[in-house]
Amino acid sequence: TITGLPNRGKSEFTDFICTQLNKIYKFKTLFFSAEDSLNMHIAKLIQKYTNRDFSKEDKENIEKQAQYIYNNYTFIDYDKIYTIDNLLKEAEKLIVEKEIDIFVIDPFNKLEADKAYNVTMTDYISKFLDKLIRLTKKYNIITILVAHPKKMCNLDIPSAYDISDSAHFF
């Protein structure tokens, strides 16, 4: 679980981890990410993978890198509304189909809560984390969950206990 103050680079750090694990171990990543558009996310991954910006004159190299990203990174369409169960079902299918090593949910709070009215958010999150852990163990993958902290009055570094709605993250 990755958490931190707003606009401090949680998604950028997550992308960096994924690109480095791909460089070193050839790990493939599945992203469910609501932070950037797909094109922007791909551009950021190319920059992190190559450690450089591309100019418009470098079109051939950009296409080569985009093909590399296509072969090593898969994206679940955020524009479709995903409940946790639908997301995990789609992820499981893609993990098998694309031989995924890393599953990223960024951020958790963008998932649609499909809980019953008499279930507390804490219990709901506990069940979600159990399902996520089972998926992670079943396929022997790395799962990265980006979770925003609750509103904080100061600039202390948030811990897992500060993640919105549940201490289960800790």
N, C-alpha and C. Protein backbone atom coordinates (compact mmCIF):
# COMPACT_ATOMS: atom_id res chain seq x y z
N THR A 1 0.85 -1.17 0.00
CA THR A 1 0.00 0.00 0.00
C THR A 1 0.89 1.23 0.00
N ILE A 2 0.58 2.16 -0.87
CA ILE A 2 1.31 3.42 -0.94
C ILE A 2 0.33 4.52 -0.59
N THR A 3 0.71 5.36 0.35
CA THR A 3 -0.10 6.51 0.72
C THR A 3 0.82 7.71 0.89
N GLY A 4 0.24 8.88 0.97
CA GLY A 4 1.02 10.09 1.15
C GLY A 4 0.15 11.30 0.97
N LEU A 5 0.72 12.44 1.23
CA LEU A 5 -0.01 13.69 1.10
C LEU A 5 -0.44 13.91 -0.35
N PRO A 6 -1.53 14.64 -0.57
CA PRO A 6 -1.99 14.90 -1.93
C PRO A 6 -0.91 15.59 -2.78
N ASN A 7 -0.86 15.21 -4.04
CA ASN A 7 0.04 15.82 -5.02
C ASN A 7 1.52 15.74 -4.63
N ARG A 8 1.90 14.62 -4.03
CA ARG A 8 3.29 14.43 -3.64
C ARG A 8 3.97 13.29 -4.40
N GLY A 9 3.31 12.77 -5.45
CA GLY A 9 3.98 11.82 -6.32
C GLY A 9 3.73 10.35 -6.06
N LYS A 10 2.63 10.02 -5.45
CA LYS A 10 2.32 8.60 -5.20
C LYS A 10 2.23 7.82 -6.50
N SER A 11 1.54 8.37 -7.50
CA SER A 11 1.39 7.69 -8.79
C SER A 11 2.72 7.66 -9.54
N GLU A 12 3.46 8.74 -9.50
CA GLU A 12 4.77 8.78 -10.16
C GLU A 12 5.71 7.75 -9.55
N PHE A 13 5.69 7.65 -8.24
CA PHE A 13 6.54 6.66 -7.55
C PHE A 13 6.12 5.24 -7.92
N THR A 14 4.82 5.01 -7.98
CA THR A 14 4.31 3.69 -8.36
C THR A 14 4.75 3.34 -9.78
N ASP A 15 4.62 4.28 -10.72
CA ASP A 15 5.06 4.03 -12.09
C ASP A 15 6.56 3.76 -12.15
N PHE A 16 7.33 4.49 -11.36
CA PHE A 16 8.78 4.28 -11.32
C PHE A 16 9.10 2.85 -10.85
N ILE A 17 8.43 2.40 -9.80
CA ILE A 17 8.65 1.04 -9.30
C ILE A 17 8.36 0.03 -10.41
N CYS A 18 7.24 0.21 -11.09
CA CYS A 18 6.84 -0.74 -12.14
C CYS A 18 7.82 -0.74 -13.31
N THR A 19 8.29 0.43 -13.73
CA THR A 19 9.25 0.47 -14.84
C THR A 19 10.58 -0.15 -14.45
N GLN A 20 11.00 0.07 -13.21
CA GLN A 20 12.28 -0.51 -12.78
C GLN A 20 12.19 -2.03 -12.67
N LEU A 21 11.08 -2.54 -12.16
CA LEU A 21 10.90 -3.99 -12.08
C LEU A 21 10.79 -4.61 -13.48
N ASN A 22 10.27 -3.84 -14.42
CA ASN A 22 10.23 -4.32 -15.79
C ASN A 22 11.64 -4.35 -16.39
N LYS A 23 12.41 -3.30 -16.16
CA LYS A 23 13.78 -3.25 -16.68
C LYS A 23 14.63 -4.40 -16.13
N ILE A 24 14.53 -4.62 -14.83
CA ILE A 24 15.40 -5.59 -14.17
C ILE A 24 14.91 -7.02 -14.36
N TYR A 25 13.59 -7.25 -14.17
CA TYR A 25 13.06 -8.62 -14.15
C TYR A 25 12.08 -8.93 -15.28
N LYS A 26 11.83 -7.94 -16.15
CA LYS A 26 10.85 -8.11 -17.24
C LYS A 26 9.42 -8.32 -16.71
N PHE A 27 9.13 -7.80 -15.52
CA PHE A 27 7.79 -7.92 -14.95
C PHE A 27 6.81 -7.08 -15.76
N LYS A 28 5.67 -7.68 -16.07
CA LYS A 28 4.60 -7.00 -16.77
C LYS A 28 3.60 -6.45 -15.75
N THR A 29 3.05 -5.28 -16.05
CA THR A 29 2.16 -4.60 -15.11
C THR A 29 0.77 -4.41 -15.69
N LEU A 30 -0.21 -4.61 -14.83
CA LEU A 30 -1.61 -4.32 -15.12
C LEU A 30 -2.01 -3.11 -14.28
N PHE A 31 -2.45 -2.04 -14.94
CA PHE A 31 -2.84 -0.81 -14.25
C PHE A 31 -4.35 -0.62 -14.27
N PHE A 32 -4.91 -0.28 -13.12
CA PHE A 32 -6.22 0.34 -13.04
C PHE A 32 -5.91 1.71 -12.44
N SER A 33 -5.87 2.72 -13.31
CA SER A 33 -5.41 4.02 -12.87
C SER A 33 -6.35 5.12 -13.34
N ALA A 34 -6.74 5.95 -12.41
CA ALA A 34 -7.64 7.06 -12.72
C ALA A 34 -6.92 8.40 -12.65
N GLU A 35 -5.64 8.39 -12.46
CA GLU A 35 -4.91 9.63 -12.22
C GLU A 35 -4.61 10.42 -13.50
N ASP A 36 -4.35 9.75 -14.61
CA ASP A 36 -4.04 10.41 -15.88
C ASP A 36 -4.82 9.75 -17.01
N SER A 37 -4.92 10.44 -18.13
CA SER A 37 -5.49 9.82 -19.32
C SER A 37 -4.54 8.70 -19.77
N LEU A 38 -5.05 7.79 -20.56
CA LEU A 38 -4.23 6.68 -21.03
C LEU A 38 -3.00 7.17 -21.79
N ASN A 39 -3.19 8.12 -22.70
CA ASN A 39 -2.05 8.63 -23.48
C ASN A 39 -1.00 9.29 -22.58
N MET A 40 -1.47 10.07 -21.60
CA MET A 40 -0.54 10.73 -20.68
C MET A 40 0.20 9.69 -19.84
N HIS A 41 -0.51 8.66 -19.39
CA HIS A 41 0.11 7.62 -18.58
C HIS A 41 1.19 6.88 -19.40
N ILE A 42 0.87 6.56 -20.64
CA ILE A 42 1.84 5.87 -21.50
C ILE A 42 3.06 6.77 -21.72
N ALA A 43 2.85 8.05 -21.97
CA ALA A 43 3.97 8.98 -22.16
C ALA A 43 4.86 9.02 -20.91
N LYS A 44 4.24 9.05 -19.73
CA LYS A 44 5.01 9.07 -18.49
C LYS A 44 5.79 7.77 -18.30
N LEU A 45 5.19 6.64 -18.66
CA LEU A 45 5.90 5.36 -18.54
C LEU A 45 7.09 5.31 -19.50
N ILE A 46 6.91 5.81 -20.71
CA ILE A 46 8.03 5.85 -21.67
C ILE A 46 9.16 6.72 -21.12
N GLN A 47 8.83 7.87 -20.58
CA GLN A 47 9.86 8.75 -20.01
C GLN A 47 10.59 8.06 -18.85
N LYS A 48 9.85 7.37 -18.00
CA LYS A 48 10.49 6.69 -16.87
C LYS A 48 11.34 5.51 -17.35
N TYR A 49 10.85 4.81 -18.35
CA TYR A 49 11.58 3.65 -18.86
C TYR A 49 12.87 4.06 -19.56
N THR A 50 12.82 5.15 -20.34
CA THR A 50 13.99 5.56 -21.12
C THR A 50 14.85 6.61 -20.42
N ASN A 51 14.33 7.20 -19.36
CA ASN A 51 15.02 8.28 -18.64
C ASN A 51 15.27 9.49 -19.52
N ARG A 52 14.37 9.77 -20.46
CA ARG A 52 14.52 10.95 -21.30
C ARG A 52 13.18 11.37 -21.88
N ASP A 53 13.13 12.65 -22.28
CA ASP A 53 11.97 13.19 -22.99
C ASP A 53 12.18 13.00 -24.48
N PHE A 54 11.10 12.86 -25.21
CA PHE A 54 11.19 12.70 -26.65
C PHE A 54 10.72 13.96 -27.34
N SER A 55 11.42 14.32 -28.40
CA SER A 55 10.99 15.44 -29.22
C SER A 55 10.09 14.91 -30.33
N LYS A 56 9.39 15.81 -30.98
CA LYS A 56 8.49 15.41 -32.06
C LYS A 56 9.27 14.82 -33.23
N GLU A 57 10.53 15.20 -33.38
CA GLU A 57 11.35 14.68 -34.47
C GLU A 57 11.72 13.21 -34.25
N ASP A 58 11.53 12.72 -33.08
CA ASP A 58 11.95 11.36 -32.72
C ASP A 58 10.78 10.38 -32.83
N LYS A 59 9.94 10.57 -33.84
CA LYS A 59 8.70 9.80 -33.97
C LYS A 59 8.95 8.30 -34.06
N GLU A 60 9.97 7.88 -34.79
CA GLU A 60 10.25 6.45 -34.94
C GLU A 60 10.60 5.81 -33.59
N ASN A 61 11.40 6.49 -32.81
CA ASN A 61 11.79 5.96 -31.50
C ASN A 61 10.60 5.95 -30.55
N ILE A 62 9.73 6.96 -30.65
CA ILE A 62 8.54 7.00 -29.81
C ILE A 62 7.65 5.81 -30.14
N GLU A 63 7.46 5.52 -31.41
CA GLU A 63 6.64 4.38 -31.82
C GLU A 63 7.24 3.07 -31.31
N LYS A 64 8.54 2.94 -31.36
CA LYS A 64 9.22 1.75 -30.85
C LYS A 64 8.97 1.60 -29.34
N GLN A 65 9.09 2.70 -28.60
CA GLN A 65 8.87 2.66 -27.16
C GLN A 65 7.39 2.41 -26.84
N ALA A 66 6.49 2.99 -27.63
CA ALA A 66 5.06 2.76 -27.41
C ALA A 66 4.73 1.28 -27.62
N GLN A 67 5.37 0.64 -28.61
CA GLN A 67 5.16 -0.79 -28.83
C GLN A 67 5.67 -1.59 -27.63
N TYR A 68 6.80 -1.17 -27.10
CA TYR A 68 7.34 -1.84 -25.91
C TYR A 68 6.37 -1.71 -24.73
N ILE A 69 5.83 -0.51 -24.54
CA ILE A 69 4.86 -0.30 -23.46
C ILE A 69 3.64 -1.19 -23.69
N TYR A 70 3.15 -1.25 -24.92
CA TYR A 70 2.00 -2.08 -25.25
C TYR A 70 2.26 -3.55 -24.91
N ASN A 71 3.46 -4.02 -25.12
CA ASN A 71 3.80 -5.43 -24.86
C ASN A 71 4.01 -5.73 -23.38
N ASN A 72 4.27 -4.72 -22.56
CA ASN A 72 4.64 -4.96 -21.17
C ASN A 72 3.70 -4.36 -20.13
N TYR A 73 2.79 -3.50 -20.57
CA TYR A 73 1.87 -2.84 -19.64
C TYR A 73 0.46 -2.96 -20.20
N THR A 74 -0.47 -3.32 -19.34
CA THR A 74 -1.87 -3.46 -19.72
C THR A 74 -2.68 -2.51 -18.85
N PHE A 75 -3.73 -1.95 -19.44
CA PHE A 75 -4.53 -0.95 -18.74
C PHE A 75 -5.99 -1.37 -18.73
N ILE A 76 -6.58 -1.37 -17.55
CA ILE A 76 -8.02 -1.61 -17.44
C ILE A 76 -8.70 -0.26 -17.63
N ASP A 77 -9.70 -0.23 -18.48
CA ASP A 77 -10.37 1.00 -18.85
C ASP A 77 -11.07 1.63 -17.65
N TYR A 78 -10.54 2.76 -17.20
CA TYR A 78 -11.12 3.45 -16.06
C TYR A 78 -12.47 4.08 -16.40
N ASP A 79 -12.69 4.39 -17.67
CA ASP A 79 -13.94 5.05 -18.06
C ASP A 79 -15.16 4.18 -17.86
N LYS A 80 -14.93 2.87 -17.76
CA LYS A 80 -16.03 1.99 -17.37
C LYS A 80 -16.09 2.06 -15.85
N ILE A 81 -17.29 2.08 -15.31
CA ILE A 81 -17.40 2.15 -13.85
C ILE A 81 -17.16 0.75 -13.30
N TYR A 82 -16.19 0.63 -12.42
CA TYR A 82 -15.84 -0.67 -11.86
C TYR A 82 -16.15 -0.74 -10.38
N THR A 83 -16.89 -1.73 -10.04
CA THR A 83 -17.02 -2.06 -8.63
C THR A 83 -15.80 -2.92 -8.30
N ILE A 84 -15.57 -3.14 -7.05
CA ILE A 84 -14.42 -3.96 -6.64
C ILE A 84 -14.51 -5.35 -7.24
N ASP A 85 -15.67 -5.98 -7.15
CA ASP A 85 -15.79 -7.34 -7.68
C ASP A 85 -15.59 -7.38 -9.19
N ASN A 86 -16.13 -6.40 -9.92
CA ASN A 86 -15.93 -6.35 -11.37
C ASN A 86 -14.46 -6.11 -11.71
N LEU A 87 -13.82 -5.23 -10.97
CA LEU A 87 -12.40 -4.96 -11.21
C LEU A 87 -11.56 -6.21 -10.99
N LEU A 88 -11.80 -6.91 -9.88
CA LEU A 88 -11.00 -8.10 -9.59
C LEU A 88 -11.25 -9.21 -10.60
N LYS A 89 -12.48 -9.32 -11.07
CA LYS A 89 -12.80 -10.32 -12.10
C LYS A 89 -12.06 -10.00 -13.40
N GLU A 90 -12.09 -8.74 -13.82
CA GLU A 90 -11.38 -8.32 -15.03
C GLU A 90 -9.87 -8.48 -14.86
N ALA A 91 -9.38 -8.11 -13.69
CA ALA A 91 -7.94 -8.25 -13.41
C ALA A 91 -7.51 -9.70 -13.49
N GLU A 92 -8.28 -10.59 -12.90
CA GLU A 92 -7.92 -12.01 -12.90
C GLU A 92 -7.83 -12.54 -14.34
N LYS A 93 -8.77 -12.15 -15.17
CA LYS A 93 -8.75 -12.57 -16.57
C LYS A 93 -7.47 -12.08 -17.26
N LEU A 94 -7.12 -10.81 -17.06
CA LEU A 94 -5.95 -10.23 -17.71
C LEU A 94 -4.63 -10.75 -17.13
N ILE A 95 -4.62 -11.04 -15.84
CA ILE A 95 -3.41 -11.59 -15.21
C ILE A 95 -3.04 -12.91 -15.88
N VAL A 96 -4.03 -13.73 -16.14
CA VAL A 96 -3.79 -15.02 -16.79
C VAL A 96 -3.45 -14.82 -18.27
N GLU A 97 -4.26 -14.03 -18.95
CA GLU A 97 -4.12 -13.84 -20.40
C GLU A 97 -2.80 -13.17 -20.78
N LYS A 98 -2.39 -12.15 -20.02
CA LYS A 98 -1.21 -11.36 -20.37
C LYS A 98 0.03 -11.72 -19.55
N GLU A 99 -0.09 -12.73 -18.68
CA GLU A 99 1.02 -13.16 -17.81
C GLU A 99 1.56 -11.99 -16.99
N ILE A 100 0.67 -11.37 -16.26
CA ILE A 100 0.96 -10.18 -15.47
C ILE A 100 1.71 -10.56 -14.19
N ASP A 101 2.66 -9.71 -13.80
CA ASP A 101 3.43 -9.90 -12.57
C ASP A 101 3.09 -8.87 -11.49
N ILE A 102 2.58 -7.70 -11.92
CA ILE A 102 2.28 -6.60 -10.99
C ILE A 102 0.88 -6.08 -11.31
N PHE A 103 0.07 -5.91 -10.28
CA PHE A 103 -1.27 -5.34 -10.43
C PHE A 103 -1.32 -4.06 -9.61
N VAL A 104 -1.66 -2.95 -10.27
CA VAL A 104 -1.70 -1.63 -9.62
C VAL A 104 -3.13 -1.11 -9.62
N ILE A 105 -3.60 -0.70 -8.45
CA ILE A 105 -4.87 0.02 -8.32
C ILE A 105 -4.50 1.41 -7.81
N ASP A 106 -4.78 2.42 -8.64
CA ASP A 106 -4.34 3.78 -8.32
C ASP A 106 -5.40 4.80 -8.73
N PRO A 107 -6.10 5.37 -7.77
CA PRO A 107 -6.15 5.11 -6.35
C PRO A 107 -7.36 4.27 -5.97
N PHE A 108 -7.31 3.72 -4.79
CA PHE A 108 -8.38 2.87 -4.26
C PHE A 108 -9.70 3.62 -4.19
N ASN A 109 -9.67 4.89 -3.82
CA ASN A 109 -10.92 5.63 -3.60
C ASN A 109 -11.71 5.89 -4.89
N LYS A 110 -11.16 5.58 -6.05
CA LYS A 110 -11.90 5.75 -7.30
C LYS A 110 -12.78 4.56 -7.63
N LEU A 111 -12.65 3.48 -6.86
CA LEU A 111 -13.51 2.32 -7.07
C LEU A 111 -14.89 2.62 -6.51
N GLU A 112 -15.89 2.16 -7.20
CA GLU A 112 -17.27 2.37 -6.76
C GLU A 112 -17.57 1.40 -5.61
N ALA A 113 -18.01 1.93 -4.50
CA ALA A 113 -18.36 1.09 -3.36
C ALA A 113 -19.73 0.46 -3.61
N ASP A 114 -19.77 -0.85 -3.59
CA ASP A 114 -21.04 -1.56 -3.81
C ASP A 114 -21.43 -2.34 -2.55
N LYS A 115 -21.36 -1.65 -1.44
CA LYS A 115 -21.64 -2.29 -0.16
C LYS A 115 -23.11 -2.15 0.22
N ALA A 116 -23.57 -3.09 1.00
CA ALA A 116 -24.92 -3.02 1.52
C ALA A 116 -25.00 -1.87 2.55
N TYR A 117 -26.19 -1.33 2.72
CA TYR A 117 -26.35 -0.18 3.61
C TYR A 117 -25.98 -0.48 5.05
N ASN A 118 -26.11 -1.74 5.47
CA ASN A 118 -25.84 -2.09 6.87
C ASN A 118 -24.40 -2.56 7.10
N VAL A 119 -23.54 -2.44 6.10
CA VAL A 119 -22.13 -2.82 6.23
C VAL A 119 -21.32 -1.55 6.42
N THR A 120 -20.48 -1.54 7.43
CA THR A 120 -19.64 -0.36 7.66
C THR A 120 -18.54 -0.30 6.60
N MET A 121 -18.02 0.88 6.38
CA MET A 121 -16.94 1.04 5.41
C MET A 121 -15.71 0.25 5.86
N THR A 122 -15.47 0.19 7.15
CA THR A 122 -14.34 -0.58 7.67
C THR A 122 -14.48 -2.06 7.33
N ASP A 123 -15.67 -2.63 7.53
CA ASP A 123 -15.90 -4.03 7.17
C ASP A 123 -15.79 -4.25 5.66
N TYR A 124 -16.31 -3.30 4.91
CA TYR A 124 -16.26 -3.38 3.45
C TYR A 124 -14.80 -3.40 2.96
N ILE A 125 -13.99 -2.51 3.50
CA ILE A 125 -12.57 -2.45 3.12
C ILE A 125 -11.85 -3.72 3.55
N SER A 126 -12.17 -4.22 4.72
CA SER A 126 -11.57 -5.47 5.20
C SER A 126 -11.83 -6.61 4.22
N LYS A 127 -13.07 -6.73 3.76
CA LYS A 127 -13.42 -7.78 2.78
C LYS A 127 -12.70 -7.56 1.45
N PHE A 128 -12.62 -6.31 1.02
CA PHE A 128 -11.89 -6.00 -0.22
C PHE A 128 -10.43 -6.41 -0.11
N LEU A 129 -9.79 -6.04 0.99
CA LEU A 129 -8.38 -6.38 1.16
C LEU A 129 -8.18 -7.89 1.20
N ASP A 130 -9.11 -8.62 1.82
CA ASP A 130 -9.04 -10.09 1.81
C ASP A 130 -9.10 -10.63 0.39
N LYS A 131 -10.01 -10.10 -0.42
CA LYS A 131 -10.12 -10.55 -1.82
C LYS A 131 -8.85 -10.22 -2.60
N LEU A 132 -8.30 -9.04 -2.36
CA LEU A 132 -7.09 -8.62 -3.06
C LEU A 132 -5.89 -9.49 -2.67
N ILE A 133 -5.80 -9.82 -1.40
CA ILE A 133 -4.71 -10.69 -0.94
C ILE A 133 -4.85 -12.09 -1.53
N ARG A 134 -6.08 -12.60 -1.59
CA ARG A 134 -6.29 -13.92 -2.20
C ARG A 134 -5.87 -13.93 -3.67
N LEU A 135 -6.24 -12.89 -4.41
CA LEU A 135 -5.85 -12.77 -5.82
C LEU A 135 -4.33 -12.71 -5.95
N THR A 136 -3.71 -11.92 -5.10
CA THR A 136 -2.26 -11.76 -5.12
C THR A 136 -1.55 -13.09 -4.87
N LYS A 137 -2.03 -13.82 -3.88
CA LYS A 137 -1.41 -15.11 -3.56
C LYS A 137 -1.71 -16.17 -4.62
N LYS A 138 -2.93 -16.18 -5.13
CA LYS A 138 -3.32 -17.19 -6.12
C LYS A 138 -2.42 -17.13 -7.35
N TYR A 139 -2.07 -15.93 -7.80
CA TYR A 139 -1.28 -15.78 -9.01
C TYR A 139 0.18 -15.40 -8.73
N ASN A 140 0.55 -15.33 -7.46
CA ASN A 140 1.93 -15.03 -7.07
C ASN A 140 2.42 -13.74 -7.74
N ILE A 141 1.64 -12.68 -7.57
CA ILE A 141 1.96 -11.40 -8.17
C ILE A 141 2.24 -10.37 -7.08
N ILE A 142 2.76 -9.25 -7.50
CA ILE A 142 2.92 -8.08 -6.63
C ILE A 142 1.69 -7.22 -6.85
N THR A 143 1.05 -6.78 -5.79
CA THR A 143 -0.08 -5.86 -5.91
C THR A 143 0.29 -4.56 -5.21
N ILE A 144 0.10 -3.47 -5.93
CA ILE A 144 0.36 -2.14 -5.38
C ILE A 144 -0.98 -1.41 -5.32
N LEU A 145 -1.33 -0.98 -4.13
CA LEU A 145 -2.58 -0.27 -3.90
C LEU A 145 -2.24 1.14 -3.44
N VAL A 146 -2.62 2.13 -4.23
CA VAL A 146 -2.43 3.52 -3.84
C VAL A 146 -3.71 3.97 -3.15
N ALA A 147 -3.57 4.45 -1.92
CA ALA A 147 -4.74 4.84 -1.13
C ALA A 147 -4.50 6.22 -0.53
N HIS A 148 -5.47 7.09 -0.71
CA HIS A 148 -5.36 8.45 -0.20
C HIS A 148 -5.65 8.49 1.30
N PRO A 149 -4.92 9.33 2.02
CA PRO A 149 -5.22 9.47 3.45
C PRO A 149 -6.47 10.32 3.66
N LYS A 150 -7.00 10.23 4.88
CA LYS A 150 -8.12 11.11 5.24
C LYS A 150 -7.60 12.54 5.26
N LYS A 151 -8.50 13.49 5.31
CA LYS A 151 -8.08 14.90 5.40
C LYS A 151 -7.24 15.08 6.65
N MET A 152 -6.09 15.69 6.46
CA MET A 152 -5.20 15.90 7.59
C MET A 152 -5.02 17.40 7.81
N CYS A 153 -5.00 17.79 9.07
CA CYS A 153 -4.91 19.22 9.40
C CYS A 153 -3.49 19.75 9.32
N ASN A 154 -2.52 18.86 9.39
CA ASN A 154 -1.13 19.30 9.35
C ASN A 154 -0.41 18.58 8.21
N LEU A 155 0.84 18.79 8.10
CA LEU A 155 1.61 18.17 7.02
C LEU A 155 2.46 17.00 7.51
N ASP A 156 2.00 16.35 8.59
CA ASP A 156 2.70 15.15 9.05
C ASP A 156 2.64 14.10 7.95
N ILE A 157 3.64 13.25 7.95
CA ILE A 157 3.65 12.16 6.97
C ILE A 157 2.58 11.15 7.39
N PRO A 158 1.63 10.86 6.50
CA PRO A 158 0.57 9.92 6.87
C PRO A 158 1.08 8.49 6.92
N SER A 159 0.48 7.72 7.80
CA SER A 159 0.80 6.29 7.89
C SER A 159 -0.40 5.51 7.36
N ALA A 160 -0.28 4.20 7.36
CA ALA A 160 -1.39 3.37 6.91
C ALA A 160 -2.63 3.57 7.79
N TYR A 161 -2.44 3.95 9.04
CA TYR A 161 -3.59 4.23 9.91
C TYR A 161 -4.37 5.47 9.46
N ASP A 162 -3.73 6.33 8.69
CA ASP A 162 -4.36 7.57 8.25
C ASP A 162 -5.14 7.44 6.95
N ILE A 163 -5.10 6.28 6.32
CA ILE A 163 -5.82 6.08 5.07
C ILE A 163 -7.31 6.18 5.35
N SER A 164 -7.98 6.87 4.48
CA SER A 164 -9.39 7.15 4.65
C SER A 164 -10.22 5.89 4.86
N ASP A 165 -11.05 5.90 5.89
CA ASP A 165 -12.09 4.92 6.19
C ASP A 165 -11.67 3.64 6.90
N SER A 166 -10.39 3.32 7.03
CA SER A 166 -10.09 2.04 7.64
C SER A 166 -8.67 1.91 8.13
N ALA A 167 -8.53 1.35 9.33
CA ALA A 167 -7.22 1.00 9.85
C ALA A 167 -6.75 -0.34 9.32
N HIS A 168 -7.61 -1.03 8.55
CA HIS A 168 -7.24 -2.33 8.00
C HIS A 168 -6.06 -2.24 7.04
N PHE A 169 -5.82 -1.07 6.49
CA PHE A 169 -4.68 -0.90 5.59
C PHE A 169 -3.38 -1.14 6.34
N PHE A 170 -3.35 -0.78 7.63
CA PHE A 170 -2.13 -0.98 8.41
C PHE A 170 -1.92 -2.46 8.62
